[in-house]
Amino acid sequence: MEVRGRDILTGLPRSINVNSNDVTEALQNELEAIINAAKRVLHETPPELSADIMDKGMVLSGGSSLLRNVDQLLSRTTGVPSYMADDALLCVAKGTGIALENLDSYKRSILATK
């Protein structure tokens, strides 16, 4: 794929060709951080929830979930089934909007459990 932009060394416009290996290499550290964060959360998850997670899997959302095969990578490295959410890019924002529209109901529910 051809990418166009400004060369930061010369300040002039420049085009370069980028392939999927270049992108993978550029994202390697970030993907490792995501994997380590998922492992940390799974390690800290109470046993009664771990069974549900193993049964139902992890749902991935946000822009990084759109990376090709990232669900398979997380499944392989954590041992937990992983799936991309429907409308992964916007589902968190939509869910937050629903929660804000129903804030009074959620407040009562949260306070009742304490």
PDB file of N, CA and C in Angstrom:
ATOM      1  N   MET A   1       0.845  -1.156   0.000  1.00  0.00           N
ATOM      2  CA  MET A   1       0.000   0.000   0.000  1.00  0.00           C
ATOM      3  C   MET A   1       0.903   1.235   0.000  1.00  0.00           C
ATOM      4  N   GLU A   2       0.534   2.207  -0.792  1.00  0.00           N
ATOM      5  CA  GLU A   2       1.301   3.442  -0.836  1.00  0.00           C
ATOM      6  C   GLU A   2       0.769   4.401   0.225  1.00  0.00           C
ATOM      7  N   VAL A   3       1.695   4.977   0.991  1.00  0.00           N
ATOM      8  CA  VAL A   3       1.342   5.948   2.028  1.00  0.00           C
ATOM      9  C   VAL A   3       2.041   7.249   1.685  1.00  0.00           C
ATOM     10  N   ARG A   4       1.275   8.332   1.725  1.00  0.00           N
ATOM     11  CA  ARG A   4       1.841   9.641   1.403  1.00  0.00           C
ATOM     12  C   ARG A   4       1.803  10.534   2.630  1.00  0.00           C
ATOM     13  N   GLY A   5       2.831  11.337   2.763  1.00  0.00           N
ATOM     14  CA  GLY A   5       2.897  12.271   3.883  1.00  0.00           C
ATOM     15  C   GLY A   5       4.103  13.170   3.740  1.00  0.00           C
ATOM     16  N   ARG A   6       4.471  13.784   4.846  1.00  0.00           N
ATOM     17  CA  ARG A   6       5.614  14.695   4.844  1.00  0.00           C
ATOM     18  C   ARG A   6       6.792  13.994   5.498  1.00  0.00           C
ATOM     19  N   ASP A   7       7.916  14.013   4.847  1.00  0.00           N
ATOM     20  CA  ASP A   7       9.146  13.448   5.392  1.00  0.00           C
ATOM     21  C   ASP A   7       9.597  14.347   6.541  1.00  0.00           C
ATOM     22  N   ILE A   8       9.724  13.790   7.748  1.00  0.00           N
ATOM     23  CA  ILE A   8      10.064  14.636   8.898  1.00  0.00           C
ATOM     24  C   ILE A   8      11.514  15.117   8.859  1.00  0.00           C
ATOM     25  N   LEU A   9      12.353  14.474   8.077  1.00  0.00           N
ATOM     26  CA  LEU A   9      13.744  14.919   7.966  1.00  0.00           C
ATOM     27  C   LEU A   9      13.900  16.074   6.990  1.00  0.00           C
ATOM     28  N   THR A  10      13.217  15.987   5.853  1.00  0.00           N
ATOM     29  CA  THR A  10      13.380  17.019   4.821  1.00  0.00           C
ATOM     30  C   THR A  10      12.237  18.028   4.810  1.00  0.00           C
ATOM     31  N   GLY A  11      11.098  17.649   5.378  1.00  0.00           N
ATOM     32  CA  GLY A  11       9.929  18.520   5.348  1.00  0.00           C
ATOM     33  C   GLY A  11       9.188  18.489   4.025  1.00  0.00           C
ATOM     34  N   LEU A  12       9.660  17.677   3.096  1.00  0.00           N
ATOM     35  CA  LEU A  12       9.061  17.606   1.765  1.00  0.00           C
ATOM     36  C   LEU A  12       8.061  16.453   1.683  1.00  0.00           C
ATOM     37  N   PRO A  13       7.090  16.572   0.761  1.00  0.00           N
ATOM     38  CA  PRO A  13       6.154  15.463   0.561  1.00  0.00           C
ATOM     39  C   PRO A  13       6.902  14.217   0.092  1.00  0.00           C
ATOM     40  N   ARG A  14       6.402  13.062   0.532  1.00  0.00           N
ATOM     41  CA  ARG A  14       7.065  11.809   0.161  1.00  0.00           C
ATOM     42  C   ARG A  14       6.047  10.679   0.154  1.00  0.00           C
ATOM     43  N   SER A  15       6.269   9.712  -0.705  1.00  0.00           N
ATOM     44  CA  SER A  15       5.449   8.503  -0.756  1.00  0.00           C
ATOM     45  C   SER A  15       6.339   7.306  -0.466  1.00  0.00           C
ATOM     46  N   ILE A  16       5.805   6.361   0.316  1.00  0.00           N
ATOM     47  CA  ILE A  16       6.522   5.110   0.558  1.00  0.00           C
ATOM     48  C   ILE A  16       5.534   3.957   0.440  1.00  0.00           C
ATOM     49  N   ASN A  17       6.059   2.786   0.176  1.00  0.00           N
ATOM     50  CA  ASN A  17       5.232   1.586   0.143  1.00  0.00           C
ATOM     51  C   ASN A  17       5.355   0.872   1.481  1.00  0.00           C
ATOM     52  N   VAL A  18       4.212   0.515   2.050  1.00  0.00           N
ATOM     53  CA  VAL A  18       4.156  -0.164   3.340  1.00  0.00           C
ATOM     54  C   VAL A  18       3.420  -1.478   3.134  1.00  0.00           C
ATOM     55  N   ASN A  19       3.998  -2.568   3.647  1.00  0.00           N
ATOM     56  CA  ASN A  19       3.317  -3.859   3.542  1.00  0.00           C
ATOM     57  C   ASN A  19       2.854  -4.317   4.927  1.00  0.00           C
ATOM     58  N   SER A  20       2.150  -5.420   4.977  1.00  0.00           N
ATOM     59  CA  SER A  20       1.587  -5.885   6.245  1.00  0.00           C
ATOM     60  C   SER A  20       2.671  -6.239   7.255  1.00  0.00           C
ATOM     61  N   ASN A  21       3.833  -6.693   6.796  1.00  0.00           N
ATOM     62  CA  ASN A  21       4.936  -6.978   7.719  1.00  0.00           C
ATOM     63  C   ASN A  21       5.431  -5.709   8.401  1.00  0.00           C
ATOM     64  N   ASP A  22       5.471  -4.596   7.657  1.00  0.00           N
ATOM     65  CA  ASP A  22       5.873  -3.317   8.241  1.00  0.00           C
ATOM     66  C   ASP A  22       4.901  -2.896   9.338  1.00  0.00           C
ATOM     67  N   VAL A  23       3.617  -3.066   9.071  1.00  0.00           N
ATOM     68  CA  VAL A  23       2.591  -2.689  10.051  1.00  0.00           C
ATOM     69  C   VAL A  23       2.690  -3.586  11.279  1.00  0.00           C
ATOM     70  N   THR A  24       2.853  -4.879  11.062  1.00  0.00           N
ATOM     71  CA  THR A  24       2.977  -5.822  12.179  1.00  0.00           C
ATOM     72  C   THR A  24       4.168  -5.463  13.057  1.00  0.00           C
ATOM     73  N   GLU A  25       5.287  -5.168  12.434  1.00  0.00           N
ATOM     74  CA  GLU A  25       6.487  -4.798  13.193  1.00  0.00           C
ATOM     75  C   GLU A  25       6.258  -3.514  13.992  1.00  0.00           C
ATOM     76  N   ALA A  26       5.591  -2.547  13.391  1.00  0.00           N
ATOM     77  CA  ALA A  26       5.334  -1.277  14.070  1.00  0.00           C
ATOM     78  C   ALA A  26       4.403  -1.446  15.268  1.00  0.00           C
ATOM     79  N   LEU A  27       3.506  -2.424  15.206  1.00  0.00           N
ATOM     80  CA  LEU A  27       2.526  -2.627  16.277  1.00  0.00           C
ATOM     81  C   LEU A  27       2.945  -3.675  17.305  1.00  0.00           C
ATOM     82  N   GLN A  28       4.081  -4.307  17.122  1.00  0.00           N
ATOM     83  CA  GLN A  28       4.501  -5.425  17.968  1.00  0.00           C
ATOM     84  C   GLN A  28       4.468  -5.086  19.462  1.00  0.00           C
ATOM     85  N   ASN A  29       5.072  -3.972  19.867  1.00  0.00           N
ATOM     86  CA  ASN A  29       5.111  -3.618  21.292  1.00  0.00           C
ATOM     87  C   ASN A  29       3.718  -3.361  21.850  1.00  0.00           C
ATOM     88  N   GLU A  30       2.873  -2.701  21.062  1.00  0.00           N
ATOM     89  CA  GLU A  30       1.521  -2.413  21.524  1.00  0.00           C
ATOM     90  C   GLU A  30       0.703  -3.691  21.668  1.00  0.00           C
ATOM     91  N   LEU A  31       0.848  -4.608  20.723  1.00  0.00           N
ATOM     92  CA  LEU A  31       0.133  -5.884  20.813  1.00  0.00           C
ATOM     93  C   LEU A  31       0.592  -6.685  22.027  1.00  0.00           C
ATOM     94  N   GLU A  32       1.888  -6.669  22.302  1.00  0.00           N
ATOM     95  CA  GLU A  32       2.397  -7.358  23.493  1.00  0.00           C
ATOM     96  C   GLU A  32       1.823  -6.734  24.761  1.00  0.00           C
ATOM     97  N   ALA A  33       1.689  -5.410  24.783  1.00  0.00           N
ATOM     98  CA  ALA A  33       1.112  -4.737  25.952  1.00  0.00           C
ATOM     99  C   ALA A  33      -0.351  -5.126  26.137  1.00  0.00           C
ATOM    100  N   ILE A  34      -1.100  -5.225  25.044  1.00  0.00           N
ATOM    101  CA  ILE A  34      -2.507  -5.640  25.120  1.00  0.00           C
ATOM    102  C   ILE A  34      -2.606  -7.069  25.644  1.00  0.00           C
ATOM    103  N   ILE A  35      -1.768  -7.951  25.128  1.00  0.00           N
ATOM    104  CA  ILE A  35      -1.773  -9.354  25.573  1.00  0.00           C
ATOM    105  C   ILE A  35      -1.431  -9.440  27.057  1.00  0.00           C
ATOM    106  N   ASN A  36      -0.394  -8.721  27.483  1.00  0.00           N
ATOM    107  CA  ASN A  36       0.000  -8.751  28.896  1.00  0.00           C
ATOM    108  C   ASN A  36      -1.085  -8.184  29.798  1.00  0.00           C
ATOM    109  N   ALA A  37      -1.764  -7.132  29.349  1.00  0.00           N
ATOM    110  CA  ALA A  37      -2.861  -6.562  30.142  1.00  0.00           C
ATOM    111  C   ALA A  37      -4.005  -7.560  30.265  1.00  0.00           C
ATOM    112  N   ALA A  38      -4.333  -8.237  29.178  1.00  0.00           N
ATOM    113  CA  ALA A  38      -5.402  -9.242  29.223  1.00  0.00           C
ATOM    114  C   ALA A  38      -5.029 -10.377  30.166  1.00  0.00           C
ATOM    115  N   LYS A  39      -3.789 -10.833  30.104  1.00  0.00           N
ATOM    116  CA  LYS A  39      -3.336 -11.903  31.000  1.00  0.00           C
ATOM    117  C   LYS A  39      -3.401 -11.461  32.459  1.00  0.00           C
ATOM    118  N   ARG A  40      -3.012 -10.215  32.732  1.00  0.00           N
ATOM    119  CA  ARG A  40      -3.041  -9.680  34.098  1.00  0.00           C
ATOM    120  C   ARG A  40      -4.468  -9.645  34.635  1.00  0.00           C
ATOM    121  N   VAL A  41      -5.403  -9.175  33.810  1.00  0.00           N
ATOM    122  CA  VAL A  41      -6.808  -9.124  34.224  1.00  0.00           C
ATOM    123  C   VAL A  41      -7.339 -10.533  34.465  1.00  0.00           C
ATOM    124  N   LEU A  42      -7.027 -11.456  33.574  1.00  0.00           N
ATOM    125  CA  LEU A  42      -7.482 -12.837  33.745  1.00  0.00           C
ATOM    126  C   LEU A  42      -6.899 -13.455  35.009  1.00  0.00           C
ATOM    127  N   HIS A  43      -5.654 -13.143  35.316  1.00  0.00           N
ATOM    128  CA  HIS A  43      -5.007 -13.669  36.521  1.00  0.00           C
ATOM    129  C   HIS A  43      -5.683 -13.144  37.786  1.00  0.00           C
ATOM    130  N   GLU A  44      -6.155 -11.892  37.741  1.00  0.00           N
ATOM    131  CA  GLU A  44      -6.777 -11.264  38.907  1.00  0.00           C
ATOM    132  C   GLU A  44      -8.281 -11.519  38.993  1.00  0.00           C
ATOM    133  N   THR A  45      -8.845 -12.186  38.011  1.00  0.00           N
ATOM    134  CA  THR A  45     -10.287 -12.444  37.979  1.00  0.00           C
ATOM    135  C   THR A  45     -10.653 -13.510  39.009  1.00  0.00           C
ATOM    136  N   PRO A  46     -11.701 -13.254  39.809  1.00  0.00           N
ATOM    137  CA  PRO A  46     -12.140 -14.254  40.791  1.00  0.00           C
ATOM    138  C   PRO A  46     -12.539 -15.558  40.103  1.00  0.00           C
ATOM    139  N   PRO A  47     -12.303 -16.689  40.778  1.00  0.00           N
ATOM    140  CA  PRO A  47     -12.576 -17.997  40.170  1.00  0.00           C
ATOM    141  C   PRO A  47     -14.011 -18.159  39.677  1.00  0.00           C
ATOM    142  N   GLU A  48     -14.977 -17.584  40.391  1.00  0.00           N
ATOM    143  CA  GLU A  48     -16.375 -17.752  39.982  1.00  0.00           C
ATOM    144  C   GLU A  48     -16.670 -17.069  38.642  1.00  0.00           C
ATOM    145  N   LEU A  49     -15.880 -16.065  38.291  1.00  0.00           N
ATOM    146  CA  LEU A  49     -16.051 -15.412  36.988  1.00  0.00           C
ATOM    147  C   LEU A  49     -15.189 -16.067  35.905  1.00  0.00           C
ATOM    148  N   SER A  50     -14.086 -16.666  36.304  1.00  0.00           N
ATOM    149  CA  SER A  50     -13.181 -17.298  35.335  1.00  0.00           C
ATOM    150  C   SER A  50     -13.877 -18.375  34.515  1.00  0.00           C
ATOM    151  N   ALA A  51     -14.736 -19.153  35.175  1.00  0.00           N
ATOM    152  CA  ALA A  51     -15.452 -20.212  34.450  1.00  0.00           C
ATOM    153  C   ALA A  51     -16.343 -19.617  33.369  1.00  0.00           C
ATOM    154  N   ASP A  52     -17.025 -18.509  33.688  1.00  0.00           N
ATOM    155  CA  ASP A  52     -17.872 -17.848  32.690  1.00  0.00           C
ATOM    156  C   ASP A  52     -17.036 -17.320  31.525  1.00  0.00           C
ATOM    157  N   ILE A  53     -15.887 -16.744  31.839  1.00  0.00           N
ATOM    158  CA  ILE A  53     -15.023 -16.199  30.792  1.00  0.00           C
ATOM    159  C   ILE A  53     -14.511 -17.318  29.891  1.00  0.00           C
ATOM    160  N   MET A  54     -14.111 -18.431  30.487  1.00  0.00           N
ATOM    161  CA  MET A  54     -13.638 -19.567  29.685  1.00  0.00           C
ATOM    162  C   MET A  54     -14.760 -20.129  28.819  1.00  0.00           C
ATOM    163  N   ASP A  55     -15.985 -20.091  29.345  1.00  0.00           N
ATOM    164  CA  ASP A  55     -17.133 -20.626  28.614  1.00  0.00           C
ATOM    165  C   ASP A  55     -17.579 -19.694  27.489  1.00  0.00           C
ATOM    166  N   LYS A  56     -17.679 -18.412  27.798  1.00  0.00           N
ATOM    167  CA  LYS A  56     -18.229 -17.446  26.841  1.00  0.00           C
ATOM    168  C   LYS A  56     -17.156 -16.695  26.057  1.00  0.00           C
ATOM    169  N   GLY A  57     -15.946 -16.604  26.594  1.00  0.00           N
ATOM    170  CA  GLY A  57     -14.854 -15.934  25.905  1.00  0.00           C
ATOM    171  C   GLY A  57     -14.785 -14.443  26.188  1.00  0.00           C
ATOM    172  N   MET A  58     -13.794 -13.799  25.561  1.00  0.00           N
ATOM    173  CA  MET A  58     -13.594 -12.355  25.676  1.00  0.00           C
ATOM    174  C   MET A  58     -14.124 -11.692  24.412  1.00  0.00           C
ATOM    175  N   VAL A  59     -14.785 -10.565  24.589  1.00  0.00           N
ATOM    176  CA  VAL A  59     -15.271  -9.789  23.450  1.00  0.00           C
ATOM    177  C   VAL A  59     -14.352  -8.584  23.294  1.00  0.00           C
ATOM    178  N   LEU A  60     -13.762  -8.445  22.132  1.00  0.00           N
ATOM    179  CA  LEU A  60     -12.811  -7.374  21.863  1.00  0.00           C
ATOM    180  C   LEU A  60     -13.521  -6.198  21.215  1.00  0.00           C
ATOM    181  N   SER A  61     -13.176  -4.996  21.675  1.00  0.00           N
ATOM    182  CA  SER A  61     -13.788  -3.796  21.100  1.00  0.00           C
ATOM    183  C   SER A  61     -12.711  -2.744  20.877  1.00  0.00           C
ATOM    184  N   GLY A  62     -13.076  -1.683  20.180  1.00  0.00           N
ATOM    185  CA  GLY A  62     -12.137  -0.610  19.899  1.00  0.00           C
ATOM    186  C   GLY A  62     -11.381  -0.850  18.605  1.00  0.00           C
ATOM    187  N   GLY A  63     -10.617   0.131  18.222  1.00  0.00           N
ATOM    188  CA  GLY A  63      -9.907   0.081  16.951  1.00  0.00           C
ATOM    189  C   GLY A  63      -8.919  -1.059  16.833  1.00  0.00           C
ATOM    190  N   SER A  64      -8.229  -1.384  17.932  1.00  0.00           N
ATOM    191  CA  SER A  64      -7.237  -2.460  17.843  1.00  0.00           C
ATOM    192  C   SER A  64      -7.877  -3.822  17.616  1.00  0.00           C
ATOM    193  N   SER A  65      -9.154  -3.968  17.966  1.00  0.00           N
ATOM    194  CA  SER A  65      -9.830  -5.249  17.722  1.00  0.00           C
ATOM    195  C   SER A  65     -10.074  -5.481  16.232  1.00  0.00           C
ATOM    196  N   LEU A  66      -9.941  -4.421  15.433  1.00  0.00           N
ATOM    197  CA  LEU A  66     -10.140  -4.537  13.994  1.00  0.00           C
ATOM    198  C   LEU A  66      -8.895  -5.051  13.268  1.00  0.00           C
ATOM    199  N   LEU A  67      -7.781  -5.156  13.988  1.00  0.00           N
ATOM    200  CA  LEU A  67      -6.570  -5.689  13.367  1.00  0.00           C
ATOM    201  C   LEU A  67      -6.796  -7.143  12.972  1.00  0.00           C
ATOM    202  N   ARG A  68      -6.363  -7.492  11.789  1.00  0.00           N
ATOM    203  CA  ARG A  68      -6.579  -8.846  11.275  1.00  0.00           C
ATOM    204  C   ARG A  68      -5.977  -9.886  12.217  1.00  0.00           C
ATOM    205  N   ASN A  69      -6.789 -10.872  12.585  1.00  0.00           N
ATOM    206  CA  ASN A  69      -6.396 -12.030  13.398  1.00  0.00           C
ATOM    207  C   ASN A  69      -6.018 -11.701  14.841  1.00  0.00           C
ATOM    208  N   VAL A  70      -6.320 -10.491  15.324  1.00  0.00           N
ATOM    209  CA  VAL A  70      -5.971 -10.174  16.711  1.00  0.00           C
ATOM    210  C   VAL A  70      -6.783 -11.033  17.679  1.00  0.00           C
ATOM    211  N   ASP A  71      -8.011 -11.403  17.297  1.00  0.00           N
ATOM    212  CA  ASP A  71      -8.805 -12.288  18.155  1.00  0.00           C
ATOM    213  C   ASP A  71      -8.142 -13.658  18.269  1.00  0.00           C
ATOM    214  N   GLN A  72      -7.613 -14.161  17.168  1.00  0.00           N
ATOM    215  CA  GLN A  72      -6.914 -15.452  17.198  1.00  0.00           C
ATOM    216  C   GLN A  72      -5.626 -15.370  18.014  1.00  0.00           C
ATOM    217  N   LEU A  73      -4.927 -14.250  17.905  1.00  0.00           N
ATOM    218  CA  LEU A  73      -3.703 -14.045  18.678  1.00  0.00           C
ATOM    219  C   LEU A  73      -4.003 -14.074  20.175  1.00  0.00           C
ATOM    220  N   LEU A  74      -5.044 -13.352  20.589  1.00  0.00           N
ATOM    221  CA  LEU A  74      -5.401 -13.340  22.015  1.00  0.00           C
ATOM    222  C   LEU A  74      -5.877 -14.706  22.482  1.00  0.00           C
ATOM    223  N   SER A  75      -6.646 -15.393  21.663  1.00  0.00           N
ATOM    224  CA  SER A  75      -7.094 -16.744  22.024  1.00  0.00           C
ATOM    225  C   SER A  75      -5.901 -17.674  22.224  1.00  0.00           C
ATOM    226  N   ARG A  76      -4.955 -17.598  21.310  1.00  0.00           N
ATOM    227  CA  ARG A  76      -3.790 -18.486  21.370  1.00  0.00           C
ATOM    228  C   ARG A  76      -2.894 -18.172  22.568  1.00  0.00           C
ATOM    229  N   THR A  77      -2.697 -16.888  22.868  1.00  0.00           N
ATOM    230  CA  THR A  77      -1.757 -16.514  23.928  1.00  0.00           C
ATOM    231  C   THR A  77      -2.364 -16.575  25.324  1.00  0.00           C
ATOM    232  N   THR A  78      -3.687 -16.484  25.432  1.00  0.00           N
ATOM    233  CA  THR A  78      -4.322 -16.523  26.755  1.00  0.00           C
ATOM    234  C   THR A  78      -5.018 -17.841  27.033  1.00  0.00           C
ATOM    235  N   GLY A  79      -5.340 -18.582  25.989  1.00  0.00           N
ATOM    236  CA  GLY A  79      -6.101 -19.812  26.167  1.00  0.00           C
ATOM    237  C   GLY A  79      -7.586 -19.572  26.341  1.00  0.00           C
ATOM    238  N   VAL A  80      -8.029 -18.342  26.125  1.00  0.00           N
ATOM    239  CA  VAL A  80      -9.437 -17.971  26.278  1.00  0.00           C
ATOM    240  C   VAL A  80      -9.997 -17.628  24.899  1.00  0.00           C
ATOM    241  N   PRO A  81     -11.160 -18.181  24.539  1.00  0.00           N
ATOM    242  CA  PRO A  81     -11.761 -17.808  23.253  1.00  0.00           C
ATOM    243  C   PRO A  81     -11.971 -16.289  23.181  1.00  0.00           C
ATOM    244  N   SER A  82     -11.672 -15.694  22.050  1.00  0.00           N
ATOM    245  CA  SER A  82     -11.805 -14.245  21.879  1.00  0.00           C
ATOM    246  C   SER A  82     -12.569 -13.953  20.599  1.00  0.00           C
ATOM    247  N   TYR A  83     -13.431 -12.956  20.670  1.00  0.00           N
ATOM    248  CA  TYR A  83     -14.288 -12.598  19.541  1.00  0.00           C
ATOM    249  C   TYR A  83     -14.326 -11.083  19.392  1.00  0.00           C
ATOM    250  N   MET A  84     -14.436 -10.621  18.157  1.00  0.00           N
ATOM    251  CA  MET A  84     -14.594  -9.192  17.917  1.00  0.00           C
ATOM    252  C   MET A  84     -16.063  -8.821  18.099  1.00  0.00           C
ATOM    253  N   ALA A  85     -16.316  -7.731  18.813  1.00  0.00           N
ATOM    254  CA  ALA A  85     -17.676  -7.255  19.037  1.00  0.00           C
ATOM    255  C   ALA A  85     -18.296  -6.794  17.724  1.00  0.00           C
ATOM    256  N   ASP A  86     -19.625  -6.886  17.656  1.00  0.00           N
ATOM    257  CA  ASP A  86     -20.329  -6.270  16.538  1.00  0.00           C
ATOM    258  C   ASP A  86     -20.116  -4.769  16.657  1.00  0.00           C
ATOM    259  N   ASP A  87     -19.856  -4.109  15.569  1.00  0.00           N
ATOM    260  CA  ASP A  87     -19.616  -2.664  15.556  1.00  0.00           C
ATOM    261  C   ASP A  87     -18.532  -2.296  16.574  1.00  0.00           C
ATOM    262  N   ALA A  88     -17.421  -3.029  16.523  1.00  0.00           N
ATOM    263  CA  ALA A  88     -16.354  -2.933  17.526  1.00  0.00           C
ATOM    264  C   ALA A  88     -15.822  -1.520  17.727  1.00  0.00           C
ATOM    265  N   LEU A  89     -15.806  -0.738  16.683  1.00  0.00           N
ATOM    266  CA  LEU A  89     -15.241   0.601  16.788  1.00  0.00           C
ATOM    267  C   LEU A  89     -16.115   1.533  17.625  1.00  0.00           C
ATOM    268  N   LEU A  90     -17.428   1.323  17.593  1.00  0.00           N
ATOM    269  CA  LEU A  90     -18.339   2.252  18.268  1.00  0.00           C
ATOM    270  C   LEU A  90     -19.102   1.662  19.450  1.00  0.00           C
ATOM    271  N   CYS A  91     -18.989   0.370  19.705  1.00  0.00           N
ATOM    272  CA  CYS A  91     -19.854  -0.257  20.708  1.00  0.00           C
ATOM    273  C   CYS A  91     -19.644   0.300  22.113  1.00  0.00           C
ATOM    274  N   VAL A  92     -18.424   0.657  22.487  1.00  0.00           N
ATOM    275  CA  VAL A  92     -18.186   1.205  23.825  1.00  0.00           C
ATOM    276  C   VAL A  92     -18.849   2.575  23.955  1.00  0.00           C
ATOM    277  N   ALA A  93     -18.720   3.404  22.936  1.00  0.00           N
ATOM    278  CA  ALA A  93     -19.353   4.723  22.971  1.00  0.00           C
ATOM    279  C   ALA A  93     -20.871   4.593  23.025  1.00  0.00           C
ATOM    280  N   LYS A  94     -21.419   3.652  22.253  1.00  0.00           N
ATOM    281  CA  LYS A  94     -22.872   3.443  22.271  1.00  0.00           C
ATOM    282  C   LYS A  94     -23.331   2.945  23.638  1.00  0.00           C
ATOM    283  N   GLY A  95     -22.593   2.014  24.227  1.00  0.00           N
ATOM    284  CA  GLY A  95     -22.942   1.496  25.549  1.00  0.00           C
ATOM    285  C   GLY A  95     -22.862   2.565  26.619  1.00  0.00           C
ATOM    286  N   THR A  96     -21.864   3.427  26.530  1.00  0.00           N
ATOM    287  CA  THR A  96     -21.742   4.535  27.475  1.00  0.00           C
ATOM    288  C   THR A  96     -22.928   5.477  27.334  1.00  0.00           C
ATOM    289  N   GLY A  97     -23.348   5.740  26.107  1.00  0.00           N
ATOM    290  CA  GLY A  97     -24.524   6.585  25.878  1.00  0.00           C
ATOM    291  C   GLY A  97     -25.772   5.991  26.493  1.00  0.00           C
ATOM    292  N   ILE A  98     -25.960   4.686  26.341  1.00  0.00           N
ATOM    293  CA  ILE A  98     -27.121   4.011  26.934  1.00  0.00           C
ATOM    294  C   ILE A  98     -27.057   4.109  28.452  1.00  0.00           C
ATOM    295  N   ALA A  99     -25.869   3.894  29.023  1.00  0.00           N
ATOM    296  CA  ALA A  99     -25.716   3.981  30.479  1.00  0.00           C
ATOM    297  C   ALA A  99     -26.036   5.388  30.970  1.00  0.00           C
ATOM    298  N   LEU A 100     -25.583   6.403  30.250  1.00  0.00           N
ATOM    299  CA  LEU A 100     -25.856   7.780  30.665  1.00  0.00           C
ATOM    300  C   LEU A 100     -27.336   8.123  30.555  1.00  0.00           C
ATOM    301  N   GLU A 101     -28.005   7.596  29.534  1.00  0.00           N
ATOM    302  CA  GLU A 101     -29.442   7.834  29.391  1.00  0.00           C
ATOM    303  C   GLU A 101     -30.240   7.176  30.511  1.00  0.00           C
ATOM    304  N   ASN A 102     -29.702   6.124  31.097  1.00  0.00           N
ATOM    305  CA  ASN A 102     -30.389   5.379  32.153  1.00  0.00           C
ATOM    306  C   ASN A 102     -29.621   5.444  33.467  1.00  0.00           C
ATOM    307  N   LEU A 103     -28.962   6.557  33.701  1.00  0.00           N
ATOM    308  CA  LEU A 103     -28.070   6.693  34.846  1.00  0.00           C
ATOM    309  C   LEU A 103     -28.772   6.446  36.174  1.00  0.00           C
ATOM    310  N   ASP A 104     -29.990   6.949  36.329  1.00  0.00           N
ATOM    311  CA  ASP A 104     -30.703   6.751  37.596  1.00  0.00           C
ATOM    312  C   ASP A 104     -30.925   5.274  37.885  1.00  0.00           C
ATOM    313  N   SER A 105     -31.307   4.504  36.890  1.00  0.00           N
ATOM    314  CA  SER A 105     -31.509   3.062  37.080  1.00  0.00           C
ATOM    315  C   SER A 105     -30.209   2.374  37.464  1.00  0.00           C
ATOM    316  N   TYR A 106     -29.128   2.742  36.786  1.00  0.00           N
ATOM    317  CA  TYR A 106     -27.844   2.114  37.082  1.00  0.00           C
ATOM    318  C   TYR A 106     -27.352   2.505  38.469  1.00  0.00           C
ATOM    319  N   LYS A 107     -27.572   3.750  38.872  1.00  0.00           N
ATOM    320  CA  LYS A 107     -27.159   4.178  40.213  1.00  0.00           C
ATOM    321  C   LYS A 107     -27.862   3.345  41.269  1.00  0.00           C
ATOM    322  N   ARG A 108     -29.171   3.161  41.125  1.00  0.00           N
ATOM    323  CA  ARG A 108     -29.927   2.362  42.101  1.00  0.00           C
ATOM    324  C   ARG A 108     -29.408   0.934  42.138  1.00  0.00           C
ATOM    325  N   SER A 109     -29.138   0.380  40.989  1.00  0.00           N
ATOM    326  CA  SER A 109     -28.650  -0.995  40.907  1.00  0.00           C
ATOM    327  C   SER A 109     -27.285  -1.133  41.577  1.00  0.00           C
ATOM    328  N   ILE A 110     -26.400  -0.195  41.317  1.00  0.00           N
ATOM    329  CA  ILE A 110     -25.055  -0.243  41.898  1.00  0.00           C
ATOM    330  C   ILE A 110     -25.114  -0.048  43.403  1.00  0.00           C
ATOM    331  N   LEU A 111     -25.920   0.908  43.856  1.00  0.00           N
ATOM    332  CA  LEU A 111     -26.025   1.167  45.292  1.00  0.00           C
ATOM    333  C   LEU A 111     -26.663  -0.002  46.024  1.00  0.00           C
ATOM    334  N   ALA A 112     -27.568  -0.717  45.379  1.00  0.00           N
ATOM    335  CA  ALA A 112     -28.239  -1.858  46.013  1.00  0.00           C
ATOM    336  C   ALA A 112     -27.275  -3.015  46.237  1.00  0.00           C
ATOM    337  N   THR A 113     -26.232  -3.110  45.441  1.00  0.00           N
ATOM    338  CA  THR A 113     -25.290  -4.224  45.588  1.00  0.00           C
ATOM    339  C   THR A 113     -24.210  -3.948  46.621  1.00  0.00           C
ATOM    340  N   LYS A 114     -24.123  -2.732  47.111  1.00  0.00           N
ATOM    341  CA  LYS A 114     -23.072  -2.398  48.100  1.00  0.00           C
ATOM    342  C   LYS A 114     -23.525  -2.660  49.501  1.00  0.00           C
TER     343      LYS A 114
END
